Amino acid sequence: MDILDCENLLCPLPVLRARKVLMGLPPGAVLRVRTTDPMARIDLPHFCAEAGHELIGSRDDGRVTEFTIRRK
């Protein structure tokens, strides 16, 4: 599983970086995105739905939210 650290980045940067990393991964690969931007709770699930990726889940770890995404 790859981990993308987007802490202290404001949207749309976490979405744009996740998109770029996911494009380089094989189908079925899993990416974990760590972000501190509250807007990512809206933007990353929306991005996954639009792009066809599976949002496996998200969890809060203090001020960081981790999203787990499976590439389509």
N, C-alpha and C. Protein backbone atom coordinates (compact mmCIF):
# COMPACT_ATOMS: atom_id res chain seq x y z
N MET A 1 0.84 -1.17 0.00
CA MET A 1 0.00 0.00 0.00
C MET A 1 0.89 1.24 0.00
N ASP A 2 0.57 2.15 -0.89
CA ASP A 2 1.29 3.42 -0.96
C ASP A 2 0.64 4.43 -0.03
N ILE A 3 1.45 5.33 0.52
CA ILE A 3 0.95 6.38 1.40
C ILE A 3 1.33 7.73 0.80
N LEU A 4 0.33 8.59 0.66
CA LEU A 4 0.53 9.93 0.13
C LEU A 4 0.31 10.92 1.27
N ASP A 5 1.34 11.66 1.62
CA ASP A 5 1.26 12.63 2.70
C ASP A 5 0.87 13.99 2.13
N CYS A 6 -0.37 14.40 2.40
CA CYS A 6 -0.86 15.71 1.96
C CYS A 6 -1.16 16.60 3.15
N GLU A 7 -0.52 16.32 4.28
CA GLU A 7 -0.73 17.13 5.46
C GLU A 7 -0.29 18.57 5.18
N ASN A 8 -1.05 19.52 5.70
CA ASN A 8 -0.79 20.95 5.57
C ASN A 8 -0.97 21.48 4.15
N LEU A 9 -1.60 20.70 3.28
CA LEU A 9 -1.92 21.17 1.93
C LEU A 9 -3.42 21.45 1.87
N LEU A 10 -3.80 22.53 1.21
CA LEU A 10 -5.21 22.87 1.07
C LEU A 10 -5.75 22.34 -0.25
N CYS A 11 -7.04 22.02 -0.24
CA CYS A 11 -7.69 21.56 -1.47
C CYS A 11 -7.63 22.68 -2.50
N PRO A 12 -7.42 22.33 -3.73
CA PRO A 12 -7.56 21.00 -4.33
C PRO A 12 -6.27 20.17 -4.37
N LEU A 13 -5.20 20.61 -3.73
CA LEU A 13 -3.93 19.89 -3.85
C LEU A 13 -4.00 18.43 -3.42
N PRO A 14 -4.64 18.05 -2.31
CA PRO A 14 -4.71 16.62 -1.97
C PRO A 14 -5.39 15.79 -3.07
N VAL A 15 -6.45 16.32 -3.67
CA VAL A 15 -7.14 15.61 -4.74
C VAL A 15 -6.24 15.50 -5.97
N LEU A 16 -5.60 16.59 -6.34
CA LEU A 16 -4.75 16.57 -7.53
C LEU A 16 -3.57 15.61 -7.36
N ARG A 17 -2.97 15.61 -6.18
CA ARG A 17 -1.84 14.70 -5.94
C ARG A 17 -2.31 13.25 -5.87
N ALA A 18 -3.46 13.01 -5.26
CA ALA A 18 -4.00 11.64 -5.22
C ALA A 18 -4.29 11.14 -6.64
N ARG A 19 -4.88 12.00 -7.45
CA ARG A 19 -5.17 11.64 -8.84
C ARG A 19 -3.90 11.25 -9.59
N LYS A 20 -2.86 12.03 -9.42
CA LYS A 20 -1.59 11.77 -10.11
C LYS A 20 -0.99 10.43 -9.66
N VAL A 21 -0.99 10.18 -8.35
CA VAL A 21 -0.42 8.92 -7.85
C VAL A 21 -1.27 7.74 -8.31
N LEU A 22 -2.59 7.86 -8.23
CA LEU A 22 -3.47 6.76 -8.63
C LEU A 22 -3.29 6.42 -10.11
N MET A 23 -3.06 7.42 -10.94
CA MET A 23 -2.86 7.17 -12.38
C MET A 23 -1.63 6.30 -12.61
N GLY A 24 -0.65 6.37 -11.73
CA GLY A 24 0.57 5.59 -11.88
C GLY A 24 0.52 4.21 -11.24
N LEU A 25 -0.59 3.90 -10.56
CA LEU A 25 -0.72 2.61 -9.89
C LEU A 25 -1.52 1.64 -10.75
N PRO A 26 -1.27 0.34 -10.60
CA PRO A 26 -2.06 -0.63 -11.35
C PRO A 26 -3.48 -0.74 -10.80
N PRO A 27 -4.44 -1.17 -11.61
CA PRO A 27 -5.80 -1.35 -11.12
C PRO A 27 -5.83 -2.28 -9.90
N GLY A 28 -6.64 -1.90 -8.93
CA GLY A 28 -6.76 -2.69 -7.70
C GLY A 28 -5.78 -2.29 -6.61
N ALA A 29 -4.80 -1.45 -6.95
CA ALA A 29 -3.83 -1.01 -5.94
C ALA A 29 -4.53 -0.09 -4.94
N VAL A 30 -3.98 -0.06 -3.74
CA VAL A 30 -4.57 0.73 -2.66
C VAL A 30 -3.64 1.88 -2.29
N LEU A 31 -4.24 3.06 -2.13
CA LEU A 31 -3.50 4.26 -1.76
C LEU A 31 -4.10 4.82 -0.48
N ARG A 32 -3.26 5.17 0.47
CA ARG A 32 -3.71 5.85 1.68
C ARG A 32 -3.27 7.31 1.57
N VAL A 33 -4.23 8.21 1.73
CA VAL A 33 -3.97 9.65 1.64
C VAL A 33 -4.16 10.26 3.03
N ARG A 34 -3.15 10.95 3.52
CA ARG A 34 -3.21 11.62 4.83
C ARG A 34 -3.32 13.11 4.57
N THR A 35 -4.36 13.73 5.16
CA THR A 35 -4.58 15.16 4.95
C THR A 35 -5.08 15.83 6.22
N THR A 36 -4.81 17.12 6.32
CA THR A 36 -5.28 17.90 7.46
C THR A 36 -6.35 18.91 7.04
N ASP A 37 -6.63 19.04 5.76
CA ASP A 37 -7.60 20.01 5.27
C ASP A 37 -9.02 19.45 5.47
N PRO A 38 -9.86 20.14 6.24
CA PRO A 38 -11.23 19.65 6.46
C PRO A 38 -12.03 19.49 5.17
N MET A 39 -11.74 20.28 4.15
CA MET A 39 -12.46 20.18 2.88
C MET A 39 -12.20 18.85 2.17
N ALA A 40 -11.10 18.20 2.51
CA ALA A 40 -10.79 16.91 1.89
C ALA A 40 -11.86 15.87 2.22
N ARG A 41 -12.55 16.04 3.34
CA ARG A 41 -13.62 15.09 3.71
C ARG A 41 -14.76 15.13 2.69
N ILE A 42 -14.88 16.23 1.99
CA ILE A 42 -15.88 16.36 0.93
C ILE A 42 -15.26 16.06 -0.43
N ASP A 43 -14.10 16.66 -0.68
CA ASP A 43 -13.49 16.60 -2.00
C ASP A 43 -12.97 15.22 -2.39
N LEU A 44 -12.31 14.52 -1.49
CA LEU A 44 -11.76 13.20 -1.86
C LEU A 44 -12.85 12.16 -2.14
N PRO A 45 -13.90 12.04 -1.31
CA PRO A 45 -14.98 11.11 -1.68
C PRO A 45 -15.65 11.48 -3.00
N HIS A 46 -15.83 12.78 -3.24
CA HIS A 46 -16.42 13.22 -4.51
C HIS A 46 -15.52 12.84 -5.69
N PHE A 47 -14.24 13.07 -5.55
CA PHE A 47 -13.28 12.69 -6.58
C PHE A 47 -13.36 11.19 -6.87
N CYS A 48 -13.39 10.37 -5.83
CA CYS A 48 -13.45 8.91 -6.02
C CYS A 48 -14.71 8.51 -6.77
N ALA A 49 -15.84 9.09 -6.40
CA ALA A 49 -17.10 8.77 -7.06
C ALA A 49 -17.06 9.17 -8.54
N GLU A 50 -16.51 10.33 -8.81
CA GLU A 50 -16.45 10.81 -10.20
C GLU A 50 -15.47 10.00 -11.05
N ALA A 51 -14.35 9.59 -10.45
CA ALA A 51 -13.30 8.88 -11.21
C ALA A 51 -13.52 7.37 -11.23
N GLY A 52 -14.44 6.87 -10.39
CA GLY A 52 -14.71 5.44 -10.37
C GLY A 52 -13.84 4.65 -9.42
N HIS A 53 -13.04 5.34 -8.60
CA HIS A 53 -12.22 4.64 -7.61
C HIS A 53 -13.08 4.29 -6.40
N GLU A 54 -12.67 3.25 -5.67
CA GLU A 54 -13.41 2.83 -4.49
C GLU A 54 -12.84 3.50 -3.25
N LEU A 55 -13.66 4.25 -2.55
CA LEU A 55 -13.25 4.80 -1.26
C LEU A 55 -13.51 3.71 -0.23
N ILE A 56 -12.47 3.03 0.18
CA ILE A 56 -12.60 1.92 1.13
C ILE A 56 -13.03 2.45 2.48
N GLY A 57 -12.49 3.59 2.87
CA GLY A 57 -12.87 4.15 4.15
C GLY A 57 -12.03 5.35 4.50
N SER A 58 -12.40 5.97 5.63
CA SER A 58 -11.62 7.09 6.15
C SER A 58 -11.66 7.01 7.67
N ARG A 59 -10.64 7.58 8.27
CA ARG A 59 -10.60 7.60 9.73
C ARG A 59 -9.83 8.83 10.17
N ASP A 60 -10.25 9.35 11.32
CA ASP A 60 -9.58 10.51 11.91
C ASP A 60 -8.53 10.03 12.89
N ASP A 61 -7.37 10.65 12.81
CA ASP A 61 -6.25 10.35 13.71
C ASP A 61 -5.75 11.70 14.23
N GLY A 62 -6.42 12.21 15.25
CA GLY A 62 -6.08 13.55 15.73
C GLY A 62 -6.52 14.58 14.72
N ARG A 63 -5.61 15.41 14.28
CA ARG A 63 -5.95 16.43 13.29
C ARG A 63 -5.83 15.92 11.85
N VAL A 64 -5.37 14.69 11.69
CA VAL A 64 -5.18 14.09 10.36
C VAL A 64 -6.35 13.16 10.03
N THR A 65 -6.83 13.27 8.80
CA THR A 65 -7.80 12.31 8.28
C THR A 65 -7.10 11.45 7.25
N GLU A 66 -7.25 10.14 7.38
CA GLU A 66 -6.66 9.19 6.42
C GLU A 66 -7.77 8.60 5.57
N PHE A 67 -7.57 8.65 4.27
CA PHE A 67 -8.50 8.06 3.31
C PHE A 67 -7.81 6.86 2.66
N THR A 68 -8.52 5.77 2.54
CA THR A 68 -8.00 4.59 1.87
C THR A 68 -8.80 4.40 0.59
N ILE A 69 -8.07 4.40 -0.53
CA ILE A 69 -8.68 4.39 -1.86
C ILE A 69 -8.12 3.23 -2.67
N ARG A 70 -9.04 2.49 -3.34
CA ARG A 70 -8.61 1.42 -4.26
C ARG A 70 -8.78 1.93 -5.69
N ARG A 71 -7.71 1.82 -6.48
CA ARG A 71 -7.77 2.31 -7.86
C ARG A 71 -8.71 1.43 -8.67
N LYS A 72 -9.48 2.08 -9.55
CA LYS A 72 -10.43 1.34 -10.39
C LYS A 72 -9.73 0.45 -11.38
